[in-house]
Every structure is written in structure tokens, then in C-alpha cells.
Protein backbone atom coordinates (compact mmCIF):
# COMPACT_ATOMS: atom_id res chain seq x y z
CA MET A 1 192.42 -23.99 -96.16
CA ILE A 2 194.90 -24.07 -93.33
CA ILE A 3 198.33 -25.47 -94.08
CA GLY A 4 199.95 -26.80 -90.91
CA CYS A 5 198.32 -27.95 -87.69
CA SER A 6 201.10 -28.56 -85.19
CA GLY A 7 201.28 -25.01 -83.81
CA ALA A 8 198.98 -23.11 -81.46
CA ILE A 9 198.10 -20.52 -84.11
CA SER A 10 197.09 -23.02 -86.80
CA ILE A 11 194.86 -24.89 -84.34
CA ALA A 12 193.27 -21.61 -83.24
CA PHE A 13 192.65 -20.62 -86.87
CA ALA A 14 190.89 -23.91 -87.57
CA LYS A 15 188.68 -23.59 -84.51
CA ARG A 16 187.78 -19.96 -85.08
CA LEU A 17 186.99 -20.45 -88.78
CA SER A 18 184.85 -23.54 -88.11
CA ASP A 19 182.91 -21.61 -85.45
CA LYS A 20 182.49 -18.51 -87.60
CA TYR A 21 181.63 -20.18 -90.91
CA GLU A 22 179.44 -23.16 -90.04
CA ASN A 23 178.57 -23.95 -93.66
CA ALA A 24 182.07 -23.57 -95.09
CA ASN A 25 184.23 -26.46 -96.27
CA ILE A 26 187.29 -26.15 -94.04
CA HIS A 27 190.35 -28.24 -94.86
CA VAL A 28 193.44 -28.57 -92.68
CA PHE A 29 196.60 -30.14 -94.09
CA CYS A 30 199.21 -31.57 -91.71
CA ARG A 31 202.33 -33.69 -91.92
CA GLN A 32 200.40 -36.30 -89.98
CA GLU A 33 196.78 -36.43 -88.87
CA PRO A 34 196.43 -34.88 -85.40
CA GLN A 35 195.17 -36.91 -82.47
CA LYS A 36 192.48 -34.35 -81.66
CA LEU A 37 190.14 -33.54 -84.54
CA LEU A 38 187.79 -30.57 -84.69
CA PRO A 39 184.20 -31.30 -85.73
CA GLY A 40 183.26 -30.05 -89.17
CA VAL A 41 186.88 -29.85 -90.34
CA SER A 42 188.39 -32.11 -93.00
CA TYR A 43 191.97 -33.20 -92.50
CA GLY A 44 194.54 -34.28 -95.06
CA VAL A 45 198.17 -35.35 -94.88
CA ILE A 46 200.73 -33.25 -96.75
CA ASN A 47 204.45 -33.88 -97.23
CA TYR A 48 206.26 -30.58 -97.64
CA GLU A 49 209.37 -32.39 -98.87
CA ASP A 50 207.44 -33.84 -101.82
CA GLU A 51 206.07 -31.28 -104.27
CA SER A 52 203.68 -33.81 -105.76
CA SER A 53 202.05 -34.10 -102.31
CA ILE A 54 201.54 -30.33 -102.22
CA GLU A 55 200.01 -30.46 -105.69
CA LYS A 56 197.65 -33.29 -104.72
CA SER A 57 196.59 -31.35 -101.62
CA ALA A 58 195.70 -28.31 -103.74
CA LEU A 59 193.68 -30.48 -106.12
CA LYS A 60 191.86 -32.11 -103.21
CA ALA A 61 191.12 -28.78 -101.56
CA SER A 62 189.63 -27.34 -104.76
CA SER A 63 187.75 -30.46 -105.90
CA ASN A 64 184.36 -28.94 -104.96
CA GLY A 65 185.07 -25.43 -106.18
CA PRO A 66 187.49 -22.51 -105.96
CA ILE A 67 189.18 -21.62 -102.68
CA ASP A 68 188.30 -18.46 -100.75
CA LEU A 69 191.05 -18.50 -98.13
CA VAL A 70 194.44 -20.15 -97.70
CA ILE A 71 196.43 -19.67 -94.50
CA VAL A 72 199.99 -20.99 -94.46
CA ALA A 73 200.65 -21.45 -90.75
CA THR A 74 203.94 -23.31 -90.99
CA GLY A 75 207.25 -22.00 -89.73
CA PHE A 76 210.35 -22.76 -87.68
CA LEU A 77 212.40 -20.72 -85.21
CA HIS A 78 214.11 -23.14 -82.85
CA GLY A 79 214.31 -26.80 -81.94
CA ASN A 80 216.26 -29.88 -82.97
CA SER A 81 219.37 -28.30 -81.38
CA ILE A 82 218.87 -25.18 -83.51
CA MET A 83 218.59 -21.82 -81.77
CA PRO A 84 218.64 -18.28 -83.21
CA GLU A 85 222.17 -16.98 -83.72
CA ARG A 86 223.40 -14.24 -81.42
CA SER A 87 226.43 -13.50 -83.62
CA LEU A 88 228.04 -14.45 -86.92
CA LYS A 89 230.11 -17.03 -85.06
CA GLU A 90 226.98 -19.16 -84.67
CA VAL A 91 225.95 -19.04 -88.35
CA SER A 92 226.05 -22.37 -90.17
CA LEU A 93 225.12 -23.74 -93.57
CA GLU A 94 222.84 -26.31 -91.94
CA LYS A 95 220.83 -23.67 -90.05
CA PHE A 96 220.34 -21.52 -93.11
CA GLN A 97 219.32 -24.43 -95.30
CA TYR A 98 216.87 -25.76 -92.73
CA LEU A 99 215.17 -22.46 -91.93
CA PHE A 100 214.98 -21.36 -95.55
CA ARG A 101 213.44 -24.68 -96.49
CA ILE A 102 210.64 -24.36 -93.94
CA ASN A 103 210.11 -20.59 -93.80
CA ALA A 104 210.56 -19.62 -97.46
CA ILE A 105 210.80 -22.53 -99.91
CA ASN A 106 207.84 -24.51 -98.58
CA PRO A 107 205.47 -21.50 -98.66
CA ALA A 108 206.65 -20.73 -102.21
CA LEU A 109 205.78 -24.26 -103.34
CA ILE A 110 202.43 -24.05 -101.56
CA ALA A 111 201.73 -20.76 -103.35
CA LYS A 112 202.71 -22.33 -106.68
CA HIS A 113 199.95 -24.93 -106.42
CA PHE A 114 197.28 -23.20 -104.31
CA LEU A 115 197.21 -19.70 -105.83
CA PRO A 116 195.76 -20.89 -109.17
CA LYS A 117 192.87 -22.46 -107.19
CA LEU A 118 191.75 -19.18 -105.59
CA ASN A 119 188.30 -17.82 -106.30
CA LYS A 120 188.26 -15.31 -109.16
CA GLU A 121 184.62 -14.25 -108.86
CA SER A 122 184.93 -12.69 -105.39
CA PHE A 123 187.69 -11.60 -103.04
CA SER A 124 189.97 -14.49 -102.13
CA PHE A 125 192.95 -14.55 -99.81
CA PHE A 126 196.33 -16.24 -99.50
CA ALA A 127 198.05 -15.37 -96.23
CA ALA A 128 201.35 -16.72 -94.91
CA LEU A 129 202.50 -16.23 -91.33
CA SER A 130 205.52 -13.95 -91.51
CA ALA A 131 207.15 -11.85 -88.80
CA ARG A 132 208.11 -8.27 -88.05
CA ILE A 133 211.62 -9.59 -87.54
CA GLY A 134 211.81 -10.14 -91.31
CA SER A 135 211.65 -6.38 -91.90
CA ILE A 136 215.05 -4.98 -92.90
CA SER A 137 214.07 -1.37 -92.12
CA ASP A 138 212.77 -2.37 -88.66
CA ASN A 139 215.91 -4.29 -87.64
CA ARG A 140 217.41 -2.56 -84.60
CA LEU A 141 218.96 -5.46 -82.68
CA GLY A 142 220.67 -7.66 -85.28
CA GLY A 143 221.27 -11.36 -84.67
CA TRP A 144 218.93 -14.21 -85.58
CA TYR A 145 220.53 -14.32 -89.02
CA ALA A 146 218.85 -17.35 -90.58
CA TYR A 147 215.38 -16.63 -89.18
CA ARG A 148 215.44 -12.95 -90.14
CA ALA A 149 216.71 -13.74 -93.63
CA SER A 150 214.19 -16.54 -94.21
CA LYS A 151 211.26 -14.32 -93.21
CA ALA A 152 212.58 -11.47 -95.37
CA ALA A 153 212.74 -13.97 -98.24
CA LEU A 154 209.15 -15.02 -97.53
CA ASN A 155 208.04 -11.40 -97.72
CA MET A 156 209.71 -11.08 -101.13
CA ILE A 157 208.00 -14.27 -102.32
CA ILE A 158 204.66 -12.82 -101.23
CA LYS A 159 205.37 -9.59 -103.13
CA ASN A 160 206.41 -11.44 -106.29
CA ALA A 161 203.39 -13.74 -106.19
CA ALA A 162 201.03 -10.80 -105.71
CA ILE A 163 202.44 -9.02 -108.76
CA GLU A 164 202.16 -12.14 -110.91
CA LEU A 165 198.68 -13.21 -109.83
CA GLU A 166 197.24 -9.72 -110.28
CA ARG A 167 197.48 -10.34 -114.02
CA THR A 168 195.10 -13.31 -113.91
CA ASN A 169 193.06 -12.83 -110.73
CA LYS A 170 192.05 -9.26 -109.95
CA ASN A 171 190.22 -10.34 -106.80
CA ALA A 172 193.13 -12.08 -105.07
CA VAL A 173 194.78 -10.69 -101.94
CA ILE A 174 198.20 -12.16 -101.11
CA VAL A 175 199.76 -10.99 -97.87
CA GLY A 176 202.07 -11.83 -95.01
CA LEU A 177 200.69 -11.71 -91.48
CA HIS A 178 202.56 -10.97 -88.27
CA PRO A 179 200.67 -12.53 -85.33
CA GLY A 180 202.63 -10.75 -82.62
CA THR A 181 204.26 -12.74 -79.83
CA VAL A 182 201.93 -15.63 -79.10
CA ASP A 183 202.19 -17.68 -75.92
CA SER A 184 203.31 -20.94 -77.52
CA ASP A 185 206.19 -23.40 -77.61
CA LEU A 186 207.72 -21.28 -80.39
CA SER A 187 208.09 -18.20 -78.21
CA LYS A 188 208.59 -19.69 -74.75
CA PRO A 189 212.41 -19.31 -74.62
CA PHE A 190 212.10 -15.63 -75.53
CA GLN A 191 209.10 -14.44 -73.49
CA GLY A 192 211.17 -12.92 -70.68
CA SER A 193 211.59 -9.59 -72.46
CA VAL A 194 208.02 -9.40 -73.77
CA PRO A 195 205.64 -7.02 -71.91
CA LYS A 196 202.62 -8.83 -70.48
CA ASP A 197 200.21 -6.84 -72.62
CA LYS A 198 202.10 -7.88 -75.77
CA LEU A 199 202.09 -11.65 -75.08
CA PHE A 200 198.94 -12.87 -76.80
CA THR A 201 196.93 -16.05 -76.61
CA ALA A 202 196.58 -17.90 -79.91
CA ASP A 203 192.83 -17.24 -79.88
CA TYR A 204 193.32 -13.48 -79.50
CA SER A 205 195.97 -13.32 -82.22
CA THR A 206 193.97 -15.29 -84.77
CA GLU A 207 190.85 -13.27 -84.07
CA ARG A 208 192.76 -10.05 -84.75
CA LEU A 209 194.40 -11.46 -87.89
CA LEU A 210 191.07 -12.56 -89.36
CA GLU A 211 189.72 -9.06 -88.72
CA VAL A 212 192.74 -7.65 -90.57
CA LEU A 213 192.12 -9.96 -93.53
CA GLU A 214 188.45 -8.98 -93.73
CA ASP A 215 189.43 -5.33 -94.22
CA LEU A 216 192.02 -5.92 -96.96
CA THR A 217 191.45 -5.38 -100.67
CA PRO A 218 193.47 -6.41 -103.76
CA GLN A 219 195.10 -2.96 -103.70
CA GLN A 220 196.96 -4.06 -100.56
CA SER A 221 198.12 -7.35 -102.00
CA GLY A 222 201.84 -8.08 -101.69
CA LYS A 223 202.26 -6.37 -98.31
CA CYS A 224 202.77 -7.60 -94.77
CA PHE A 225 200.41 -6.64 -91.94
CA ALA A 226 200.60 -7.04 -88.18
CA TRP A 227 197.84 -8.25 -85.87
CA ASP A 228 196.78 -4.63 -85.25
CA GLY A 229 196.29 -3.91 -88.96
CA LYS A 230 199.43 -1.81 -89.34
CA GLU A 231 201.60 -2.44 -92.38
CA ILE A 232 205.10 -3.76 -91.72
CA LEU A 233 207.56 -2.10 -94.05
CA PRO A 234 210.20 -4.18 -95.90
């Protein structure tokens, strides 16, 4: 399952998974059906503002059996006249509410309805795209208040969910994933300071992240990992 299909990473995940697992049932849920559809992939419409829509999506996704993999590829950094804050003077209630809704609350609601559908007989995975910038211990530059805080909140949600689900599903792995800086609309305004060897294509990033997931075990559930397999500390 891939939640979200408007970003470069989510599209790359769908393509790579459909190529790698030809016999798998791959579902992609979007706010609206995309114009370009990948062969062998089922699409569904999901309304993140309506919890009943999230619940129905989870039921649809698991109608033929338990789920092996959920990737939450939603997120927001800038747009709609919203840019990351450079100082406290730019902080606003509206920014915080909007970014927390998309980056933390929506993934929590998705976890609420999708985690119970994970496979219990073999390893199953729930991964949400997080960011190194959500690490409190790694913060050296400051700024970007709402985005940093919303990603830190997401990492706490992942940790909480991992602790809770371990009691009922010993085979579940719940993690945050940091894709690195991907050449996409999300990162374009901020690519000037990124070294060329650290600006990734979406295909490269998703390939690395899937390799990271394949090496994880339930003992690592609740943590956040970067594209290179290194753990990102809280």
C-alpha cells in the first residue's frame, strides 16, 4: 500500500514495487485519481480530512488478505504561500495547524486504521516518510519551526505505535524513513546548498529505502532510518 501519489517519491515507490513484485496486489491511495496510471497497480481515492474515508481505504486494501507493506508518502513543506520560517517572527498559528495536520495528524489516523490490517504471520512493515530535520539532537541550524516540530511529532507517533502494536503483532516493523534530499518540487527552492552527490533522483532514493526496509526486523521498530540505513536519533 502506498498512501499518496502526488509526489515524486510516491510515484517512484509505486513503479519500483510493481516492477519488483509482479504478482503482488499493489494499491495506491490518492486524493484524486492521477492522470497517468501504472499498469498492475490499483488506485483508490482517499480523503485525509475524513476519517471514515481512511477507514474505508484500509478495509478495501485488506479485503483480499492481510497487508505486508504500507508506505505513507504524504507530507508538506512549502506552497500555498507557506514557506519555512527563518525566525520566530514568521511563526503563525495557521502554519503550525496546517503542517501538523498533514505531517503528523494524517499519518496518525492512517496508522490507526492500517496497522491492525498488517500481516501477523510474517514480517510486515509500516513506514512513514519522515526527515532528519525532525531530529532534536541533530538540529544545528534552527528555523523551520512548524516543519521541524511536525516531523518530530511524527517520529513520536511512530515510536508510540510501535510500542503498542508489539503487544499484538510481534512481526510488525513500524519506522520512519528519511529519503535524503530528492530532486523534486518539494526541495527545489532549497537545492542551492545541497552538494551534487547528495541530491538524489526519486528512483535512487526509493531503491535505497526499500533496501533499508528489507534489512529491518521487529527489534528495530519505532526508530527512524535514513536512505543509507543509518539510524536518525531523536
